[in-house]
Amino acid sequence: MSASLNLTAEDRAELFGDFDPDAHATEAEQRWDGTDAWSDAKRRSSSYTKEDWKRSKAEAGDLGTRLANALRSGSPADGDVAMDLAEEHRAHISRWFYECTYEIHRGLGDLYVSDPRFTTSLDATAPGLAAYLRSAITANAQRHQL
């Protein structure tokens, strides 16, 4: 997907820092190629400008901060605050990348705790955030599928 990012090398460095989207593109393509979500994400992200990426990253950063604050405050993962944030997380993915169904979102939550790369990244914001987010995602999906 990232091979089609419409960004200069300087823009990529500014936006993503040490994270190299291209280094993960092959693995992601092997995992999700052929899915509607992969096709949609590839199509959408290929047209994003530097400003689009900045907005997306700012939204994600704000959401991550609010999730971390909820965790630190002791808000239960299956409570309204955390579930509402999980719903925002799902909506963010749907808005910027692909239609993130509750089933897909649950899968992402599982990935956040089963893949140490995701766990490490999320837990850098707040220890335990990956597991907390997964629990909030699961509770939110249950809430919406009743």
N, C-alpha and C. Protein backbone atom coordinates (compact mmCIF):
# COMPACT_ATOMS: atom_id res chain seq x y z
N MET A 1 0.82 -1.18 0.00
CA MET A 1 0.00 0.00 0.00
C MET A 1 0.86 1.25 0.00
N SER A 2 1.88 1.31 0.84
CA SER A 2 2.64 2.54 0.98
C SER A 2 3.49 2.87 -0.23
N ALA A 3 3.77 1.89 -1.08
CA ALA A 3 4.55 2.18 -2.27
C ALA A 3 3.85 3.19 -3.15
N SER A 4 2.54 3.33 -2.99
CA SER A 4 1.79 4.26 -3.80
C SER A 4 1.53 5.58 -3.07
N LEU A 5 2.15 5.79 -1.90
CA LEU A 5 1.97 7.05 -1.20
C LEU A 5 2.51 8.17 -2.08
N ASN A 6 1.75 9.21 -2.17
CA ASN A 6 2.10 10.34 -3.01
C ASN A 6 2.89 11.36 -2.19
N LEU A 7 4.06 10.95 -1.69
CA LEU A 7 4.87 11.79 -0.82
C LEU A 7 6.33 11.73 -1.22
N THR A 8 7.02 12.84 -0.99
CA THR A 8 8.47 12.85 -1.20
C THR A 8 9.13 12.13 -0.03
N ALA A 9 10.39 11.79 -0.21
CA ALA A 9 11.14 11.15 0.86
C ALA A 9 11.19 12.06 2.09
N GLU A 10 11.31 13.36 1.88
CA GLU A 10 11.35 14.30 2.98
C GLU A 10 10.01 14.34 3.73
N ASP A 11 8.92 14.32 2.96
CA ASP A 11 7.59 14.30 3.58
C ASP A 11 7.39 13.03 4.40
N ARG A 12 7.82 11.90 3.85
CA ARG A 12 7.69 10.64 4.58
C ARG A 12 8.46 10.70 5.90
N ALA A 13 9.68 11.22 5.85
CA ALA A 13 10.49 11.32 7.07
C ALA A 13 9.81 12.24 8.08
N GLU A 14 9.27 13.35 7.61
CA GLU A 14 8.59 14.28 8.51
C GLU A 14 7.35 13.65 9.14
N LEU A 15 6.58 12.96 8.33
CA LEU A 15 5.31 12.39 8.80
C LEU A 15 5.48 11.14 9.64
N PHE A 16 6.39 10.26 9.22
CA PHE A 16 6.47 8.95 9.84
C PHE A 16 7.73 8.73 10.68
N GLY A 17 8.66 9.67 10.66
CA GLY A 17 9.87 9.55 11.46
C GLY A 17 10.64 8.29 11.11
N ASP A 18 10.96 7.51 12.14
CA ASP A 18 11.74 6.28 11.95
C ASP A 18 10.91 5.13 11.38
N PHE A 19 9.58 5.27 11.41
CA PHE A 19 8.72 4.22 10.86
C PHE A 19 8.76 4.30 9.34
N ASP A 20 9.08 3.18 8.72
CA ASP A 20 9.14 3.12 7.26
C ASP A 20 7.94 2.33 6.75
N PRO A 21 6.92 3.02 6.20
CA PRO A 21 5.74 2.30 5.72
C PRO A 21 6.07 1.24 4.68
N ASP A 22 7.07 1.49 3.85
CA ASP A 22 7.44 0.53 2.81
C ASP A 22 7.94 -0.78 3.40
N ALA A 23 8.60 -0.71 4.56
CA ALA A 23 9.15 -1.92 5.16
C ALA A 23 8.04 -2.87 5.60
N HIS A 24 6.86 -2.35 5.83
CA HIS A 24 5.75 -3.18 6.29
C HIS A 24 4.74 -3.48 5.18
N ALA A 25 4.91 -2.84 4.04
CA ALA A 25 3.94 -2.99 2.95
C ALA A 25 3.86 -4.42 2.43
N THR A 26 4.99 -5.08 2.28
CA THR A 26 4.99 -6.44 1.74
C THR A 26 4.26 -7.39 2.67
N GLU A 27 4.55 -7.31 3.95
CA GLU A 27 3.87 -8.17 4.91
C GLU A 27 2.37 -7.90 4.92
N ALA A 28 2.01 -6.63 4.93
CA ALA A 28 0.58 -6.28 4.94
C ALA A 28 -0.11 -6.77 3.67
N GLU A 29 0.56 -6.63 2.56
CA GLU A 29 -0.03 -7.08 1.30
C GLU A 29 -0.22 -8.60 1.30
N GLN A 30 0.77 -9.32 1.81
CA GLN A 30 0.65 -10.79 1.89
C GLN A 30 -0.51 -11.19 2.80
N ARG A 31 -0.71 -10.44 3.86
CA ARG A 31 -1.73 -10.77 4.84
C ARG A 31 -3.14 -10.42 4.35
N TRP A 32 -3.28 -9.28 3.66
CA TRP A 32 -4.62 -8.77 3.37
C TRP A 32 -4.94 -8.54 1.90
N ASP A 33 -3.98 -8.83 1.00
CA ASP A 33 -4.25 -8.63 -0.42
C ASP A 33 -5.45 -9.47 -0.84
N GLY A 34 -6.27 -8.91 -1.67
CA GLY A 34 -7.46 -9.60 -2.13
C GLY A 34 -8.69 -9.29 -1.32
N THR A 35 -8.52 -8.60 -0.18
CA THR A 35 -9.68 -8.22 0.62
C THR A 35 -10.17 -6.84 0.16
N ASP A 36 -11.45 -6.60 0.38
CA ASP A 36 -12.00 -5.29 0.05
C ASP A 36 -11.31 -4.20 0.86
N ALA A 37 -11.02 -4.50 2.13
CA ALA A 37 -10.38 -3.51 2.99
C ALA A 37 -9.01 -3.11 2.43
N TRP A 38 -8.23 -4.08 1.99
CA TRP A 38 -6.91 -3.78 1.43
C TRP A 38 -7.04 -2.92 0.18
N SER A 39 -7.93 -3.31 -0.71
CA SER A 39 -8.13 -2.55 -1.96
C SER A 39 -8.57 -1.13 -1.67
N ASP A 40 -9.50 -0.99 -0.74
CA ASP A 40 -10.02 0.34 -0.38
C ASP A 40 -8.92 1.20 0.24
N ALA A 41 -8.17 0.63 1.17
CA ALA A 41 -7.10 1.38 1.83
C ALA A 41 -6.04 1.81 0.83
N LYS A 42 -5.71 0.92 -0.06
CA LYS A 42 -4.70 1.23 -1.09
C LYS A 42 -5.18 2.37 -1.99
N ARG A 43 -6.44 2.27 -2.41
CA ARG A 43 -7.01 3.30 -3.28
C ARG A 43 -7.06 4.65 -2.57
N ARG A 44 -7.58 4.65 -1.37
CA ARG A 44 -7.73 5.92 -0.64
C ARG A 44 -6.39 6.56 -0.33
N SER A 45 -5.48 5.78 0.25
CA SER A 45 -4.21 6.37 0.70
C SER A 45 -3.34 6.84 -0.46
N SER A 46 -3.52 6.28 -1.62
CA SER A 46 -2.70 6.70 -2.76
C SER A 46 -2.99 8.14 -3.18
N SER A 47 -4.14 8.66 -2.80
CA SER A 47 -4.47 10.04 -3.18
C SER A 47 -4.24 11.04 -2.06
N TYR A 48 -3.81 10.59 -0.89
CA TYR A 48 -3.63 11.49 0.23
C TYR A 48 -2.42 12.40 0.04
N THR A 49 -2.64 13.65 0.38
CA THR A 49 -1.56 14.64 0.36
C THR A 49 -0.86 14.63 1.72
N LYS A 50 0.20 15.37 1.81
CA LYS A 50 0.90 15.51 3.08
C LYS A 50 -0.05 16.06 4.15
N GLU A 51 -0.89 17.00 3.77
CA GLU A 51 -1.84 17.58 4.72
C GLU A 51 -2.88 16.55 5.18
N ASP A 52 -3.33 15.69 4.26
CA ASP A 52 -4.25 14.62 4.64
C ASP A 52 -3.61 13.71 5.68
N TRP A 53 -2.37 13.32 5.43
CA TRP A 53 -1.67 12.45 6.38
C TRP A 53 -1.50 13.14 7.72
N LYS A 54 -1.20 14.43 7.71
CA LYS A 54 -1.07 15.17 8.97
C LYS A 54 -2.38 15.15 9.75
N ARG A 55 -3.50 15.38 9.06
CA ARG A 55 -4.80 15.37 9.73
C ARG A 55 -5.10 13.99 10.31
N SER A 56 -4.86 12.96 9.52
CA SER A 56 -5.12 11.59 9.98
C SER A 56 -4.27 11.27 11.20
N LYS A 57 -3.00 11.59 11.14
CA LYS A 57 -2.10 11.31 12.25
C LYS A 57 -2.47 12.12 13.49
N ALA A 58 -2.89 13.37 13.30
CA ALA A 58 -3.29 14.21 14.44
C ALA A 58 -4.54 13.63 15.10
N GLU A 59 -5.50 13.20 14.30
CA GLU A 59 -6.70 12.57 14.86
C GLU A 59 -6.33 11.31 15.64
N ALA A 60 -5.48 10.49 15.05
CA ALA A 60 -5.07 9.24 15.71
C ALA A 60 -4.31 9.54 17.00
N GLY A 61 -3.44 10.55 16.97
CA GLY A 61 -2.69 10.92 18.16
C GLY A 61 -3.58 11.41 19.28
N ASP A 62 -4.56 12.24 18.93
CA ASP A 62 -5.51 12.74 19.92
C ASP A 62 -6.31 11.59 20.53
N LEU A 63 -6.75 10.68 19.68
CA LEU A 63 -7.51 9.52 20.16
C LEU A 63 -6.65 8.65 21.08
N GLY A 64 -5.40 8.44 20.70
CA GLY A 64 -4.49 7.66 21.54
C GLY A 64 -4.29 8.29 22.90
N THR A 65 -4.17 9.61 22.93
CA THR A 65 -4.01 10.33 24.20
C THR A 65 -5.26 10.17 25.07
N ARG A 66 -6.43 10.29 24.46
CA ARG A 66 -7.67 10.14 25.23
C ARG A 66 -7.86 8.71 25.73
N LEU A 67 -7.47 7.72 24.92
CA LEU A 67 -7.52 6.33 25.37
C LEU A 67 -6.58 6.12 26.56
N ALA A 68 -5.37 6.65 26.45
CA ALA A 68 -4.39 6.51 27.53
C ALA A 68 -4.90 7.19 28.80
N ASN A 69 -5.53 8.35 28.65
CA ASN A 69 -6.08 9.05 29.81
C ASN A 69 -7.20 8.24 30.46
N ALA A 70 -8.03 7.61 29.64
CA ALA A 70 -9.11 6.78 30.17
C ALA A 70 -8.53 5.60 30.95
N LEU A 71 -7.50 4.98 30.39
CA LEU A 71 -6.84 3.86 31.07
C LEU A 71 -6.26 4.33 32.40
N ARG A 72 -5.52 5.42 32.37
CA ARG A 72 -4.87 5.93 33.59
C ARG A 72 -5.87 6.34 34.66
N SER A 73 -7.03 6.82 34.22
CA SER A 73 -8.04 7.29 35.18
C SER A 73 -8.81 6.14 35.83
N GLY A 74 -8.59 4.91 35.33
CA GLY A 74 -9.28 3.76 35.88
C GLY A 74 -10.63 3.49 35.23
N SER A 75 -10.92 4.19 34.15
CA SER A 75 -12.18 3.95 33.44
C SER A 75 -12.18 2.52 32.91
N PRO A 76 -13.19 1.72 33.23
CA PRO A 76 -13.18 0.32 32.78
C PRO A 76 -13.27 0.21 31.26
N ALA A 77 -12.57 -0.78 30.72
CA ALA A 77 -12.55 -0.99 29.26
C ALA A 77 -13.92 -1.29 28.71
N ASP A 78 -14.80 -1.83 29.55
CA ASP A 78 -16.16 -2.13 29.08
C ASP A 78 -17.16 -1.07 29.52
N GLY A 79 -16.65 0.08 29.95
CA GLY A 79 -17.51 1.20 30.31
C GLY A 79 -17.77 2.10 29.11
N ASP A 80 -18.71 3.00 29.27
CA ASP A 80 -19.10 3.87 28.16
C ASP A 80 -17.96 4.72 27.61
N VAL A 81 -17.12 5.26 28.48
CA VAL A 81 -16.03 6.13 28.02
C VAL A 81 -15.10 5.36 27.08
N ALA A 82 -14.63 4.20 27.51
CA ALA A 82 -13.69 3.41 26.71
C ALA A 82 -14.37 2.87 25.45
N MET A 83 -15.60 2.41 25.58
CA MET A 83 -16.30 1.90 24.40
C MET A 83 -16.55 3.01 23.39
N ASP A 84 -16.87 4.21 23.86
CA ASP A 84 -17.06 5.33 22.94
C ASP A 84 -15.76 5.67 22.22
N LEU A 85 -14.65 5.59 22.94
CA LEU A 85 -13.35 5.83 22.31
C LEU A 85 -13.02 4.72 21.30
N ALA A 86 -13.36 3.49 21.63
CA ALA A 86 -13.16 2.39 20.69
C ALA A 86 -13.99 2.63 19.43
N GLU A 87 -15.19 3.13 19.60
CA GLU A 87 -16.03 3.43 18.44
C GLU A 87 -15.41 4.55 17.60
N GLU A 88 -14.83 5.54 18.25
CA GLU A 88 -14.11 6.59 17.51
C GLU A 88 -12.94 6.00 16.74
N HIS A 89 -12.25 5.05 17.36
CA HIS A 89 -11.12 4.38 16.71
C HIS A 89 -11.59 3.67 15.44
N ARG A 90 -12.68 2.95 15.55
CA ARG A 90 -13.26 2.25 14.41
C ARG A 90 -13.68 3.23 13.32
N ALA A 91 -14.31 4.33 13.73
CA ALA A 91 -14.76 5.35 12.77
C ALA A 91 -13.57 6.02 12.08
N HIS A 92 -12.49 6.22 12.82
CA HIS A 92 -11.28 6.83 12.24
C HIS A 92 -10.74 5.94 11.12
N ILE A 93 -10.66 4.65 11.37
CA ILE A 93 -10.18 3.72 10.35
C ILE A 93 -11.11 3.74 9.14
N SER A 94 -12.41 3.73 9.40
CA SER A 94 -13.39 3.76 8.30
C SER A 94 -13.28 5.06 7.50
N ARG A 95 -13.07 6.15 8.17
CA ARG A 95 -12.99 7.45 7.49
C ARG A 95 -11.74 7.56 6.63
N TRP A 96 -10.62 7.05 7.14
CA TRP A 96 -9.35 7.28 6.45
C TRP A 96 -8.87 6.11 5.59
N PHE A 97 -9.28 4.89 5.88
CA PHE A 97 -8.65 3.77 5.20
C PHE A 97 -9.61 2.78 4.56
N TYR A 98 -10.49 2.19 5.31
CA TYR A 98 -11.41 1.19 4.77
C TYR A 98 -12.58 1.05 5.72
N GLU A 99 -13.66 0.47 5.22
CA GLU A 99 -14.83 0.24 6.07
C GLU A 99 -14.46 -0.80 7.14
N CYS A 100 -14.35 -0.31 8.35
CA CYS A 100 -13.92 -1.15 9.47
C CYS A 100 -15.16 -1.67 10.19
N THR A 101 -15.58 -2.86 9.80
CA THR A 101 -16.73 -3.48 10.45
C THR A 101 -16.36 -3.85 11.89
N TYR A 102 -17.35 -4.19 12.68
CA TYR A 102 -17.06 -4.62 14.05
C TYR A 102 -16.23 -5.90 14.05
N GLU A 103 -16.47 -6.78 13.11
CA GLU A 103 -15.68 -8.01 13.00
C GLU A 103 -14.22 -7.70 12.69
N ILE A 104 -13.99 -6.82 11.73
CA ILE A 104 -12.62 -6.41 11.39
C ILE A 104 -11.98 -5.73 12.59
N HIS A 105 -12.73 -4.87 13.25
CA HIS A 105 -12.19 -4.13 14.39
C HIS A 105 -11.77 -5.09 15.51
N ARG A 106 -12.58 -6.13 15.76
CA ARG A 106 -12.20 -7.13 16.75
C ARG A 106 -10.88 -7.80 16.36
N GLY A 107 -10.74 -8.10 15.09
CA GLY A 107 -9.50 -8.70 14.61
C GLY A 107 -8.31 -7.79 14.84
N LEU A 108 -8.50 -6.51 14.62
CA LEU A 108 -7.42 -5.55 14.88
C LEU A 108 -7.08 -5.53 16.37
N GLY A 109 -8.10 -5.55 17.20
CA GLY A 109 -7.86 -5.57 18.64
C GLY A 109 -7.03 -6.77 19.05
N ASP A 110 -7.35 -7.91 18.47
CA ASP A 110 -6.57 -9.12 18.76
C ASP A 110 -5.13 -8.96 18.27
N LEU A 111 -4.96 -8.36 17.11
CA LEU A 111 -3.63 -8.14 16.56
C LEU A 111 -2.80 -7.21 17.46
N TYR A 112 -3.46 -6.24 18.06
CA TYR A 112 -2.76 -5.29 18.93
C TYR A 112 -2.09 -5.98 20.12
N VAL A 113 -2.65 -7.12 20.55
CA VAL A 113 -2.03 -7.82 21.68
C VAL A 113 -1.25 -9.06 21.26
N SER A 114 -1.51 -9.59 20.06
CA SER A 114 -0.80 -10.80 19.63
C SER A 114 0.49 -10.49 18.87
N ASP A 115 0.60 -9.30 18.30
CA ASP A 115 1.81 -8.92 17.56
C ASP A 115 2.59 -7.94 18.42
N PRO A 116 3.76 -8.34 18.87
CA PRO A 116 4.54 -7.49 19.77
C PRO A 116 4.86 -6.11 19.21
N ARG A 117 4.91 -5.98 17.90
CA ARG A 117 5.18 -4.66 17.31
C ARG A 117 4.05 -3.69 17.62
N PHE A 118 2.81 -4.16 17.49
CA PHE A 118 1.67 -3.31 17.81
C PHE A 118 1.59 -3.05 19.32
N THR A 119 1.79 -4.11 20.10
CA THR A 119 1.73 -3.97 21.55
C THR A 119 2.75 -2.95 22.03
N THR A 120 3.98 -3.07 21.55
CA THR A 120 5.04 -2.15 21.96
C THR A 120 4.70 -0.72 21.59
N SER A 121 4.20 -0.52 20.38
CA SER A 121 3.86 0.82 19.92
C SER A 121 2.75 1.43 20.77
N LEU A 122 1.68 0.68 21.00
CA LEU A 122 0.57 1.19 21.80
C LEU A 122 0.97 1.39 23.25
N ASP A 123 1.69 0.44 23.80
CA ASP A 123 2.08 0.53 25.21
C ASP A 123 3.12 1.61 25.47
N ALA A 124 3.74 2.13 24.41
CA ALA A 124 4.66 3.26 24.58
C ALA A 124 3.89 4.51 25.00
N THR A 125 2.63 4.59 24.62
CA THR A 125 1.79 5.72 25.02
C THR A 125 1.39 5.58 26.48
N ALA A 126 1.00 4.38 26.85
CA ALA A 126 0.66 4.09 28.25
C ALA A 126 0.78 2.58 28.44
N PRO A 127 1.51 2.13 29.46
CA PRO A 127 1.63 0.70 29.70
C PRO A 127 0.25 0.04 29.84
N GLY A 128 0.05 -1.04 29.08
CA GLY A 128 -1.21 -1.75 29.11
C GLY A 128 -2.26 -1.25 28.12
N LEU A 129 -1.90 -0.23 27.33
CA LEU A 129 -2.88 0.36 26.41
C LEU A 129 -3.35 -0.62 25.34
N ALA A 130 -2.47 -1.47 24.85
CA ALA A 130 -2.87 -2.42 23.80
C ALA A 130 -3.98 -3.34 24.31
N ALA A 131 -3.80 -3.91 25.48
CA ALA A 131 -4.81 -4.81 26.05
C ALA A 131 -6.08 -4.05 26.39
N TYR A 132 -5.95 -2.85 26.90
CA TYR A 132 -7.10 -2.02 27.24
C TYR A 132 -7.91 -1.70 25.98
N LEU A 133 -7.23 -1.31 24.93
CA LEU A 133 -7.92 -0.99 23.67
C LEU A 133 -8.61 -2.23 23.12
N ARG A 134 -7.93 -3.37 23.15
CA ARG A 134 -8.58 -4.59 22.68
C ARG A 134 -9.85 -4.89 23.48
N SER A 135 -9.78 -4.77 24.77
CA SER A 135 -10.96 -5.02 25.60
C SER A 135 -12.08 -4.03 25.30
N ALA A 136 -11.73 -2.77 25.08
CA ALA A 136 -12.72 -1.75 24.75
C ALA A 136 -13.34 -2.03 23.37
N ILE A 137 -12.52 -2.45 22.42
CA ILE A 137 -13.01 -2.80 21.08
C ILE A 137 -13.99 -3.97 21.18
N THR A 138 -13.62 -4.99 21.95
CA THR A 138 -14.49 -6.17 22.11
C THR A 138 -15.82 -5.77 22.74
N ALA A 139 -15.75 -4.99 23.81
CA ALA A 139 -16.98 -4.55 24.48
C ALA A 139 -17.83 -3.69 23.56
N ASN A 140 -17.19 -2.81 22.81
CA ASN A 140 -17.93 -1.94 21.89
C ASN A 140 -18.61 -2.76 20.79
N ALA A 141 -17.92 -3.74 20.26
CA ALA A 141 -18.51 -4.60 19.22
C ALA A 141 -19.72 -5.34 19.78
N GLN A 142 -19.59 -5.84 20.99
CA GLN A 142 -20.72 -6.55 21.63
C GLN A 142 -21.89 -5.60 21.83
N ARG A 143 -21.60 -4.39 22.25
CA ARG A 143 -22.64 -3.39 22.47
C ARG A 143 -23.41 -3.09 21.19
N HIS A 144 -22.72 -3.04 20.06
CA HIS A 144 -23.35 -2.68 18.80
C HIS A 144 -23.97 -3.86 18.06
N GLN A 145 -23.64 -5.07 18.47
CA GLN A 145 -24.18 -6.22 17.76
C GLN A 145 -25.30 -6.92 18.51
N LEU A 146 -25.77 -6.31 19.57
CA LEU A 146 -26.89 -6.87 20.32
C LEU A 146 -28.21 -6.49 19.67
